[in-house]
Amino acid sequence: MTTDSRAEAAKAVVRRNTEEVQGKGDFDVFDQLFADNFVDHTPQPGTTPDKAGVRNLYTYLREAFPDFHAEIHWQLADDERVTTYKTYYGTHEGPLFGIAPTHRPIHFETVDVMRVHDGKITDHWGVGNLLSLMQQIGAWSPPATSESERMLDDWATAWSSAENNDPQRVLALFAEDCLFEDVTFGVIARGKDELRSFVSGAFAAVPDFKYQVTRRFAGSQWAAIEWIMSGTHKGDFPGMPATGKYFSSVRGCSILELKTGKIGRQSDYWDQATFMKQVGLQSLSGV
């Protein structure tokens, strides 16, 4: 076999891995393509640098992104080594690195090198734009560049009773004459005294509240925060008796009106149907 024909055969093996294994989840093909002595020279954290490790990684990615697939932009082959530049696509439907599903479409670029010997993949080296991926699913945000953005950084921690059990930390974010409304509950709190009562009740109802900010925007007078909340329903909410059940991946957003560095008004909207289903209260809502 000539050098050119070996190179083309190697590219075909790598392309099959991308399209049939990574893209379609065909692990019978995986077993055919990967050598038993395969070595990953750039393994992901928490994985082993061998055939079992890369199989686990592929399985994990397909569970996080059931429609995971790639577009190959180009391949170059130098005898047995194949360099591939591609973009991966998918929808975030399963946990990834501790991040709950956001149901968002994602994409990220990679460049990798695979060595193919006697028709088997024996070695791998690769780099990927994982920072972009983590940003797309809300696991990383650029550093705050304004007072408003820094306040939004404090917002999620203040409202998360799992990290902060002091309602005063929430109240410190608000103006004295604030107005807070939970549109889903139909609750309005005017001023800090009424807000303190609401926050104390919420923290008692869900002592392990956790807010994960997935997207945010801050202007001079307005801000918006998209979030996912989780926790255990241990106390009563308005019209929702405690069930003791855990809920997660409940999406919502908060619209904030800002005044002199404080929150003058906050309006919350969230997915009541998912919450009711997860805590077993569908019959109360008719869902």
C-alpha atoms as a PDB file:
ATOM      1  CA  MET A   1       0.000   0.000   0.000  1.00  0.00           C
ATOM      2  CA  THR A   2       1.402   3.421  -0.957  1.00  0.00           C
ATOM      3  CA  THR A   3       1.741   6.320   1.465  1.00  0.00           C
ATOM      4  CA  ASP A   4      -1.164   8.142  -0.214  1.00  0.00           C
ATOM      5  CA  SER A   5      -3.454   5.126  -0.015  1.00  0.00           C
ATOM      6  CA  ARG A   6      -2.555   4.580   3.655  1.00  0.00           C
ATOM      7  CA  ALA A   7      -3.377   8.207   4.334  1.00  0.00           C
ATOM      8  CA  GLU A   8      -6.766   7.976   2.628  1.00  0.00           C
ATOM      9  CA  ALA A   9      -7.587   4.743   4.451  1.00  0.00           C
ATOM     10  CA  ALA A  10      -6.635   6.368   7.762  1.00  0.00           C
ATOM     11  CA  LYS A  11      -8.873   9.378   7.051  1.00  0.00           C
ATOM     12  CA  ALA A  12     -11.766   7.027   6.306  1.00  0.00           C
ATOM     13  CA  VAL A  13     -11.314   5.270   9.669  1.00  0.00           C
ATOM     14  CA  VAL A  14     -11.320   8.583  11.551  1.00  0.00           C
ATOM     15  CA  ARG A  15     -14.363   9.788   9.605  1.00  0.00           C
ATOM     16  CA  ARG A  16     -16.255   6.583  10.514  1.00  0.00           C
ATOM     17  CA  ASN A  17     -15.497   7.212  14.169  1.00  0.00           C
ATOM     18  CA  THR A  18     -16.808  10.777  13.941  1.00  0.00           C
ATOM     19  CA  GLU A  19     -19.941   9.946  11.979  1.00  0.00           C
ATOM     20  CA  GLU A  20     -20.940   6.466  13.149  1.00  0.00           C
ATOM     21  CA  VAL A  21     -19.649   6.264  16.723  1.00  0.00           C
ATOM     22  CA  GLN A  22     -19.780   9.831  18.006  1.00  0.00           C
ATOM     23  CA  GLY A  23     -22.679  10.879  15.774  1.00  0.00           C
ATOM     24  CA  LYS A  24     -24.858   7.761  15.902  1.00  0.00           C
ATOM     25  CA  GLY A  25     -23.722   5.979  19.069  1.00  0.00           C
ATOM     26  CA  ASP A  26     -22.749   2.770  17.262  1.00  0.00           C
ATOM     27  CA  PHE A  27     -20.395   1.164  19.758  1.00  0.00           C
ATOM     28  CA  ASP A  28     -20.065  -2.019  17.742  1.00  0.00           C
ATOM     29  CA  VAL A  29     -18.224   0.156  15.220  1.00  0.00           C
ATOM     30  CA  PHE A  30     -16.243   1.655  18.116  1.00  0.00           C
ATOM     31  CA  ASP A  31     -14.976  -1.810  19.058  1.00  0.00           C
ATOM     32  CA  GLN A  32     -13.971  -2.437  15.433  1.00  0.00           C
ATOM     33  CA  LEU A  33     -12.106   0.863  15.035  1.00  0.00           C
ATOM     34  CA  PHE A  34     -10.174   1.254  18.296  1.00  0.00           C
ATOM     35  CA  ALA A  35      -7.127  -0.854  19.100  1.00  0.00           C
ATOM     36  CA  ASP A  36      -7.088  -2.605  22.453  1.00  0.00           C
ATOM     37  CA  ASN A  37      -3.833  -0.800  23.310  1.00  0.00           C
ATOM     38  CA  PHE A  38      -5.262   2.629  22.376  1.00  0.00           C
ATOM     39  CA  VAL A  39      -3.706   5.597  24.233  1.00  0.00           C
ATOM     40  CA  ASP A  40      -5.327   9.023  24.670  1.00  0.00           C
ATOM     41  CA  HIS A  41      -2.492  11.508  25.144  1.00  0.00           C
ATOM     42  CA  THR A  42      -4.896  14.350  26.090  1.00  0.00           C
ATOM     43  CA  PRO A  43      -7.592  12.671  28.225  1.00  0.00           C
ATOM     44  CA  GLN A  44     -10.421  14.700  29.722  1.00  0.00           C
ATOM     45  CA  PRO A  45     -10.414  15.137  33.530  1.00  0.00           C
ATOM     46  CA  GLY A  46     -11.895  12.152  35.288  1.00  0.00           C
ATOM     47  CA  THR A  47     -11.335   9.754  32.379  1.00  0.00           C
ATOM     48  CA  THR A  48      -8.686   7.091  31.856  1.00  0.00           C
ATOM     49  CA  PRO A  49      -6.312   7.421  28.867  1.00  0.00           C
ATOM     50  CA  ASP A  50      -7.280   4.069  27.337  1.00  0.00           C
ATOM     51  CA  LYS A  51      -9.959   2.455  25.164  1.00  0.00           C
ATOM     52  CA  ALA A  52     -12.381   2.095  28.077  1.00  0.00           C
ATOM     53  CA  GLY A  53     -11.884   5.734  29.001  1.00  0.00           C
ATOM     54  CA  VAL A  54     -12.692   7.090  25.561  1.00  0.00           C
ATOM     55  CA  ARG A  55     -15.718   4.804  25.296  1.00  0.00           C
ATOM     56  CA  ASN A  56     -16.983   6.195  28.613  1.00  0.00           C
ATOM     57  CA  LEU A  57     -16.380   9.737  27.358  1.00  0.00           C
ATOM     58  CA  TYR A  58     -18.336   9.138  24.150  1.00  0.00           C
ATOM     59  CA  THR A  59     -21.197   7.567  26.142  1.00  0.00           C
ATOM     60  CA  TYR A  60     -21.237  10.497  28.566  1.00  0.00           C
ATOM     61  CA  LEU A  61     -21.381  13.035  25.743  1.00  0.00           C
ATOM     62  CA  ARG A  62     -24.227  11.226  23.997  1.00  0.00           C
ATOM     63  CA  GLU A  63     -26.196  11.108  27.257  1.00  0.00           C
ATOM     64  CA  ALA A  64     -25.668  14.853  27.722  1.00  0.00           C
ATOM     65  CA  PHE A  65     -26.379  15.580  24.035  1.00  0.00           C
ATOM     66  CA  PRO A  66     -28.587  12.809  22.533  1.00  0.00           C
ATOM     67  CA  ASP A  67     -28.370  14.438  19.080  1.00  0.00           C
ATOM     68  CA  PHE A  68     -24.580  14.863  19.266  1.00  0.00           C
ATOM     69  CA  HIS A  69     -22.998  15.069  15.820  1.00  0.00           C
ATOM     70  CA  ALA A  70     -20.159  16.796  13.998  1.00  0.00           C
ATOM     71  CA  GLU A  71     -19.450  18.642  10.801  1.00  0.00           C
ATOM     72  CA  ILE A  72     -15.982  17.820   9.502  1.00  0.00           C
ATOM     73  CA  HIS A  73     -14.474  20.908   7.891  1.00  0.00           C
ATOM     74  CA  TRP A  74     -11.237  19.335   6.713  1.00  0.00           C
ATOM     75  CA  GLN A  75      -8.817  16.472   7.266  1.00  0.00           C
ATOM     76  CA  LEU A  76      -5.083  16.237   6.607  1.00  0.00           C
ATOM     77  CA  ALA A  77      -3.173  12.961   6.723  1.00  0.00           C
ATOM     78  CA  ASP A  78       0.550  12.394   7.140  1.00  0.00           C
ATOM     79  CA  ASP A  79       0.891   8.687   6.583  1.00  0.00           C
ATOM     80  CA  GLU A  80      -0.719   7.178   9.728  1.00  0.00           C
ATOM     81  CA  ARG A  81      -1.604  10.438  11.502  1.00  0.00           C
ATOM     82  CA  VAL A  82      -4.877  12.206  10.636  1.00  0.00           C
ATOM     83  CA  THR A  83      -5.602  15.778  11.714  1.00  0.00           C
ATOM     84  CA  THR A  84      -9.286  16.746  11.702  1.00  0.00           C
ATOM     85  CA  TYR A  85     -10.902  20.137  12.239  1.00  0.00           C
ATOM     86  CA  LYS A  86     -14.613  19.887  13.041  1.00  0.00           C
ATOM     87  CA  THR A  87     -17.528  21.494  14.857  1.00  0.00           C
ATOM     88  CA  TYR A  88     -19.703  19.460  17.203  1.00  0.00           C
ATOM     89  CA  TYR A  89     -23.418  20.210  17.614  1.00  0.00           C
ATOM     90  CA  GLY A  90     -26.082  18.993  20.022  1.00  0.00           C
ATOM     91  CA  THR A  91     -28.849  19.849  22.476  1.00  0.00           C
ATOM     92  CA  HIS A  92     -28.106  19.871  26.207  1.00  0.00           C
ATOM     93  CA  GLU A  93     -30.616  17.281  27.490  1.00  0.00           C
ATOM     94  CA  GLY A  94     -28.553  15.519  30.173  1.00  0.00           C
ATOM     95  CA  PRO A  95     -26.219  16.560  33.039  1.00  0.00           C
ATOM     96  CA  LEU A  96     -22.780  17.757  31.960  1.00  0.00           C
ATOM     97  CA  PHE A  97     -19.940  18.439  34.418  1.00  0.00           C
ATOM     98  CA  GLY A  98     -22.523  18.903  37.170  1.00  0.00           C
ATOM     99  CA  ILE A  99     -24.660  21.310  35.116  1.00  0.00           C
ATOM    100  CA  ALA A 100     -28.351  20.400  34.912  1.00  0.00           C
ATOM    101  CA  PRO A 101     -29.904  20.137  31.427  1.00  0.00           C
ATOM    102  CA  THR A 102     -30.640  23.552  29.907  1.00  0.00           C
ATOM    103  CA  HIS A 103     -32.244  22.174  26.695  1.00  0.00           C
ATOM    104  CA  ARG A 104     -30.129  24.641  24.737  1.00  0.00           C
ATOM    105  CA  PRO A 105     -28.517  23.960  21.375  1.00  0.00           C
ATOM    106  CA  ILE A 106     -24.721  24.046  21.589  1.00  0.00           C
ATOM    107  CA  HIS A 107     -21.730  23.908  19.265  1.00  0.00           C
ATOM    108  CA  PHE A 108     -17.981  23.896  19.813  1.00  0.00           C
ATOM    109  CA  GLU A 109     -14.907  23.443  17.645  1.00  0.00           C
ATOM    110  CA  THR A 110     -12.134  20.860  18.014  1.00  0.00           C
ATOM    111  CA  VAL A 111      -8.873  19.956  16.342  1.00  0.00           C
ATOM    112  CA  ASP A 112      -7.531  16.476  16.944  1.00  0.00           C
ATOM    113  CA  VAL A 113      -4.956  14.032  15.680  1.00  0.00           C
ATOM    114  CA  MET A 114      -5.519  10.278  15.510  1.00  0.00           C
ATOM    115  CA  ARG A 115      -2.945   7.665  14.587  1.00  0.00           C
ATOM    116  CA  VAL A 116      -4.334   4.758  12.574  1.00  0.00           C
ATOM    117  CA  HIS A 117      -2.216   1.612  12.304  1.00  0.00           C
ATOM    118  CA  ASP A 118      -3.409  -1.498  10.460  1.00  0.00           C
ATOM    119  CA  GLY A 119      -6.916  -0.044  10.293  1.00  0.00           C
ATOM    120  CA  LYS A 120      -7.146   0.609  14.054  1.00  0.00           C
ATOM    121  CA  ILE A 121      -7.025   3.895  15.989  1.00  0.00           C
ATOM    122  CA  THR A 122      -4.056   3.566  18.334  1.00  0.00           C
ATOM    123  CA  ASP A 123      -3.434   7.128  19.583  1.00  0.00           C
ATOM    124  CA  HIS A 124      -5.243  10.443  20.053  1.00  0.00           C
ATOM    125  CA  TRP A 125      -4.190  14.037  20.740  1.00  0.00           C
ATOM    126  CA  GLY A 126      -6.802  16.808  20.767  1.00  0.00           C
ATOM    127  CA  VAL A 127      -7.937  20.247  21.906  1.00  0.00           C
ATOM    128  CA  GLY A 128     -11.478  21.633  22.003  1.00  0.00           C
ATOM    129  CA  ASN A 129     -13.152  24.969  22.637  1.00  0.00           C
ATOM    130  CA  LEU A 130     -14.720  23.788  25.893  1.00  0.00           C
ATOM    131  CA  LEU A 131     -14.831  27.305  27.351  1.00  0.00           C
ATOM    132  CA  SER A 132     -17.333  28.223  24.643  1.00  0.00           C
ATOM    133  CA  LEU A 133     -19.361  25.104  25.443  1.00  0.00           C
ATOM    134  CA  MET A 134     -19.457  25.884  29.166  1.00  0.00           C
ATOM    135  CA  GLN A 135     -20.495  29.466  28.454  1.00  0.00           C
ATOM    136  CA  GLN A 136     -23.347  28.264  26.233  1.00  0.00           C
ATOM    137  CA  ILE A 137     -24.816  26.098  29.010  1.00  0.00           C
ATOM    138  CA  GLY A 138     -24.381  28.813  31.637  1.00  0.00           C
ATOM    139  CA  ALA A 139     -21.472  27.237  33.517  1.00  0.00           C
ATOM    140  CA  TRP A 140     -19.178  30.214  32.947  1.00  0.00           C
ATOM    141  CA  SER A 141     -19.760  33.930  32.525  1.00  0.00           C
ATOM    142  CA  PRO A 142     -17.266  36.645  31.607  1.00  0.00           C
ATOM    143  CA  PRO A 143     -15.986  38.619  34.607  1.00  0.00           C
ATOM    144  CA  ALA A 144     -18.252  41.456  35.676  1.00  0.00           C
ATOM    145  CA  THR A 145     -17.306  44.776  34.104  1.00  0.00           C
ATOM    146  CA  SER A 146     -19.798  47.119  35.804  1.00  0.00           C
ATOM    147  CA  GLU A 147     -21.408  47.661  39.201  1.00  0.00           C
ATOM    148  CA  SER A 148     -24.700  46.285  37.827  1.00  0.00           C
ATOM    149  CA  GLU A 149     -23.031  43.087  36.630  1.00  0.00           C
ATOM    150  CA  ARG A 150     -21.235  42.664  39.946  1.00  0.00           C
ATOM    151  CA  MET A 151     -24.588  42.957  41.696  1.00  0.00           C
ATOM    152  CA  LEU A 152     -25.972  40.223  39.436  1.00  0.00           C
ATOM    153  CA  ASP A 153     -23.057  38.018  40.469  1.00  0.00           C
ATOM    154  CA  ASP A 154     -24.219  38.416  44.097  1.00  0.00           C
ATOM    155  CA  TRP A 155     -27.882  37.868  43.224  1.00  0.00           C
ATOM    156  CA  ALA A 156     -27.781  34.075  42.691  1.00  0.00           C
ATOM    157  CA  THR A 157     -25.747  33.454  45.847  1.00  0.00           C
ATOM    158  CA  ALA A 158     -28.020  35.683  47.935  1.00  0.00           C
ATOM    159  CA  TRP A 159     -31.183  33.894  46.778  1.00  0.00           C
ATOM    160  CA  SER A 160     -29.651  30.392  47.136  1.00  0.00           C
ATOM    161  CA  SER A 161     -30.490  29.262  50.663  1.00  0.00           C
ATOM    162  CA  ALA A 162     -28.114  26.317  50.137  1.00  0.00           C
ATOM    163  CA  GLU A 163     -25.239  28.826  50.146  1.00  0.00           C
ATOM    164  CA  ASN A 164     -26.750  31.650  52.197  1.00  0.00           C
ATOM    165  CA  ASN A 165     -29.389  31.188  54.917  1.00  0.00           C
ATOM    166  CA  ASP A 166     -29.556  34.875  55.838  1.00  0.00           C
ATOM    167  CA  PRO A 167     -32.452  36.770  54.187  1.00  0.00           C
ATOM    168  CA  GLN A 168     -30.606  40.001  54.979  1.00  0.00           C
ATOM    169  CA  ARG A 169     -28.180  39.285  52.172  1.00  0.00           C
ATOM    170  CA  VAL A 170     -31.107  39.361  49.729  1.00  0.00           C
ATOM    171  CA  LEU A 171     -32.526  42.526  51.288  1.00  0.00           C
ATOM    172  CA  ALA A 172     -29.155  44.276  50.923  1.00  0.00           C
ATOM    173  CA  LEU A 173     -29.578  44.136  47.147  1.00  0.00           C
ATOM    174  CA  PHE A 174     -32.883  46.050  47.217  1.00  0.00           C
ATOM    175  CA  ALA A 175     -33.830  49.708  47.566  1.00  0.00           C
ATOM    176  CA  GLU A 176     -35.842  50.706  50.653  1.00  0.00           C
ATOM    177  CA  ASP A 177     -38.996  51.374  48.598  1.00  0.00           C
ATOM    178  CA  CYS A 178     -38.624  48.214  46.495  1.00  0.00           C
ATOM    179  CA  LEU A 179     -41.391  46.203  44.925  1.00  0.00           C
ATOM    180  CA  PHE A 180     -41.029  42.447  44.490  1.00  0.00           C
ATOM    181  CA  GLU A 181     -43.514  40.285  42.628  1.00  0.00           C
ATOM    182  CA  ASP A 182     -43.603  36.564  42.042  1.00  0.00           C
ATOM    183  CA  VAL A 183     -45.905  36.524  39.036  1.00  0.00           C
ATOM    184  CA  THR A 184     -46.328  32.741  39.158  1.00  0.00           C
ATOM    185  CA  PHE A 185     -47.489  32.785  42.789  1.00  0.00           C
ATOM    186  CA  GLY A 186     -49.389  36.044  42.387  1.00  0.00           C
ATOM    187  CA  VAL A 187     -47.483  37.464  45.380  1.00  0.00           C
ATOM    188  CA  ILE A 188     -46.462  41.117  45.690  1.00  0.00           C
ATOM    189  CA  ALA A 189     -44.183  42.455  48.435  1.00  0.00           C
ATOM    190  CA  ARG A 190     -43.907  46.221  48.861  1.00  0.00           C
ATOM    191  CA  GLY A 191     -40.933  47.492  50.800  1.00  0.00           C
ATOM    192  CA  LYS A 192     -38.260  45.602  52.666  1.00  0.00           C
ATOM    193  CA  ASP A 193     -40.446  44.440  55.558  1.00  0.00           C
ATOM    194  CA  GLU A 194     -42.817  42.556  53.238  1.00  0.00           C
ATOM    195  CA  LEU A 195     -39.882  41.301  51.174  1.00  0.00           C
ATOM    196  CA  ARG A 196     -38.180  40.002  54.332  1.00  0.00           C
ATOM    197  CA  SER A 197     -41.304  37.998  55.149  1.00  0.00           C
ATOM    198  CA  PHE A 198     -41.406  36.493  51.636  1.00  0.00           C
ATOM    199  CA  VAL A 199     -37.708  35.585  51.586  1.00  0.00           C
ATOM    200  CA  SER A 200     -37.828  34.058  55.078  1.00  0.00           C
ATOM    201  CA  GLY A 201     -40.826  31.954  54.030  1.00  0.00           C
ATOM    202  CA  ALA A 202     -39.125  30.827  50.817  1.00  0.00           C
ATOM    203  CA  PHE A 203     -35.929  29.853  52.659  1.00  0.00           C
ATOM    204  CA  ALA A 204     -37.954  27.897  55.227  1.00  0.00           C
ATOM    205  CA  ALA A 205     -39.918  26.115  52.485  1.00  0.00           C
ATOM    206  CA  VAL A 206     -36.788  25.175  50.527  1.00  0.00           C
ATOM    207  CA  PRO A 207     -33.728  25.309  52.811  1.00  0.00           C
ATOM    208  CA  ASP A 208     -31.468  24.015  50.029  1.00  0.00           C
ATOM    209  CA  PHE A 209     -32.599  26.406  47.271  1.00  0.00           C
ATOM    210  CA  LYS A 210     -29.986  26.628  44.498  1.00  0.00           C
ATOM    211  CA  TYR A 211     -30.099  29.128  41.653  1.00  0.00           C
ATOM    212  CA  GLN A 212     -27.905  28.519  38.624  1.00  0.00           C
ATOM    213  CA  VAL A 213     -27.703  31.563  36.351  1.00  0.00           C
ATOM    214  CA  THR A 214     -27.698  30.497  32.710  1.00  0.00           C
ATOM    215  CA  ARG A 215     -27.835  33.917  31.072  1.00  0.00           C
ATOM    216  CA  ARG A 216     -27.847  37.536  32.188  1.00  0.00           C
ATOM    217  CA  PHE A 217     -27.983  41.067  30.856  1.00  0.00           C
ATOM    218  CA  ALA A 218     -27.407  44.335  32.683  1.00  0.00           C
ATOM    219  CA  GLY A 219     -28.045  47.850  31.383  1.00  0.00           C
ATOM    220  CA  SER A 220     -28.042  51.155  33.203  1.00  0.00           C
ATOM    221  CA  GLN A 221     -31.674  50.885  34.360  1.00  0.00           C
ATOM    222  CA  TRP A 222     -32.771  47.325  33.588  1.00  0.00           C
ATOM    223  CA  ALA A 223     -31.353  43.830  34.004  1.00  0.00           C
ATOM    224  CA  ALA A 224     -32.582  40.344  33.153  1.00  0.00           C
ATOM    225  CA  ILE A 225     -31.463  37.030  34.618  1.00  0.00           C
ATOM    226  CA  GLU A 226     -32.360  33.594  33.230  1.00  0.00           C
ATOM    227  CA  TRP A 227     -31.937  30.827  35.771  1.00  0.00           C
ATOM    228  CA  ILE A 228     -32.570  27.224  36.780  1.00  0.00           C
ATOM    229  CA  MET A 229     -33.637  26.473  40.340  1.00  0.00           C
ATOM    230  CA  SER A 230     -33.498  23.295  42.387  1.00  0.00           C
ATOM    231  CA  GLY A 231     -34.100  22.232  45.972  1.00  0.00           C
ATOM    232  CA  THR A 232     -36.252  20.167  48.324  1.00  0.00           C
ATOM    233  CA  HIS A 233     -39.868  21.158  48.965  1.00  0.00           C
ATOM    234  CA  LYS A 234     -39.864  20.900  52.780  1.00  0.00           C
ATOM    235  CA  GLY A 235     -42.292  23.699  53.631  1.00  0.00           C
ATOM    236  CA  ASP A 236     -45.529  25.141  52.285  1.00  0.00           C
ATOM    237  CA  PHE A 237     -45.709  27.556  49.371  1.00  0.00           C
ATOM    238  CA  PRO A 238     -48.896  29.556  48.651  1.00  0.00           C
ATOM    239  CA  GLY A 239     -51.426  26.883  47.682  1.00  0.00           C
ATOM    240  CA  MET A 240     -48.702  24.212  47.573  1.00  0.00           C
ATOM    241  CA  PRO A 241     -48.376  22.058  50.718  1.00  0.00           C
ATOM    242  CA  ALA A 242     -44.948  20.602  51.420  1.00  0.00           C
ATOM    243  CA  THR A 243     -44.195  17.223  49.847  1.00  0.00           C
ATOM    244  CA  GLY A 244     -40.584  16.690  50.910  1.00  0.00           C
ATOM    245  CA  LYS A 245     -39.654  15.938  47.298  1.00  0.00           C
ATOM    246  CA  TYR A 246     -36.650  17.224  45.384  1.00  0.00           C
ATOM    247  CA  PHE A 247     -37.094  19.348  42.249  1.00  0.00           C
ATOM    248  CA  SER A 248     -34.537  20.399  39.645  1.00  0.00           C
ATOM    249  CA  SER A 249     -34.213  21.966  36.196  1.00  0.00           C
ATOM    250  CA  VAL A 250     -37.083  24.381  36.919  1.00  0.00           C
ATOM    251  CA  ARG A 251     -36.465  27.288  34.564  1.00  0.00           C
ATOM    252  CA  GLY A 252     -37.341  30.888  35.222  1.00  0.00           C
ATOM    253  CA  CYS A 253     -36.286  34.487  34.780  1.00  0.00           C
ATOM    254  CA  SER A 254     -36.156  37.684  36.805  1.00  0.00           C
ATOM    255  CA  ILE A 255     -36.625  41.161  35.350  1.00  0.00           C
ATOM    256  CA  LEU A 256     -34.978  43.858  37.455  1.00  0.00           C
ATOM    257  CA  GLU A 257     -35.465  47.603  37.460  1.00  0.00           C
ATOM    258  CA  LEU A 258     -32.334  49.236  38.858  1.00  0.00           C
ATOM    259  CA  LYS A 259     -32.054  52.483  40.768  1.00  0.00           C
ATOM    260  CA  THR A 260     -28.837  53.950  42.209  1.00  0.00           C
ATOM    261  CA  GLY A 261     -27.088  50.583  42.343  1.00  0.00           C
ATOM    262  CA  LYS A 262     -30.003  48.746  43.995  1.00  0.00           C
ATOM    263  CA  ILE A 263     -32.970  46.704  42.791  1.00  0.00           C
ATOM    264  CA  GLY A 264     -36.044  48.918  42.735  1.00  0.00           C
ATOM    265  CA  ARG A 265     -38.327  46.245  41.325  1.00  0.00           C
ATOM    266  CA  GLN A 266     -37.988  42.516  40.681  1.00  0.00           C
ATOM    267  CA  SER A 267     -40.525  40.461  38.742  1.00  0.00           C
ATOM    268  CA  ASP A 268     -40.087  36.669  38.714  1.00  0.00           C
ATOM    269  CA  TYR A 269     -41.587  34.259  36.170  1.00  0.00           C
ATOM    270  CA  TRP A 270     -40.972  30.510  36.397  1.00  0.00           C
ATOM    271  CA  ASP A 271     -42.111  27.106  35.163  1.00  0.00           C
ATOM    272  CA  GLN A 272     -44.801  26.104  37.644  1.00  0.00           C
ATOM    273  CA  ALA A 273     -45.898  23.055  35.621  1.00  0.00           C
ATOM    274  CA  THR A 274     -42.463  21.389  35.869  1.00  0.00           C
ATOM    275  CA  PHE A 275     -42.219  22.211  39.572  1.00  0.00           C
ATOM    276  CA  MET A 276     -45.676  20.780  40.321  1.00  0.00           C
ATOM    277  CA  LYS A 277     -44.934  17.606  38.370  1.00  0.00           C
ATOM    278  CA  GLN A 278     -41.608  17.002  40.120  1.00  0.00           C
ATOM    279  CA  VAL A 279     -42.975  17.507  43.636  1.00  0.00           C
ATOM    280  CA  GLY A 280     -46.098  15.463  42.931  1.00  0.00           C
ATOM    281  CA  LEU A 281     -48.735  18.200  43.059  1.00  0.00           C
ATOM    282  CA  GLN A 282     -50.169  17.910  39.533  1.00  0.00           C
ATOM    283  CA  SER A 283     -53.643  17.172  40.870  1.00  0.00           C
ATOM    284  CA  LEU A 284     -53.755  20.520  42.660  1.00  0.00           C
ATOM    285  CA  SER A 285     -52.978  22.425  39.486  1.00  0.00           C
ATOM    286  CA  GLY A 286     -54.928  20.259  37.074  1.00  0.00           C
ATOM    287  CA  VAL A 287     -51.716  19.601  35.102  1.00  0.00           C
END
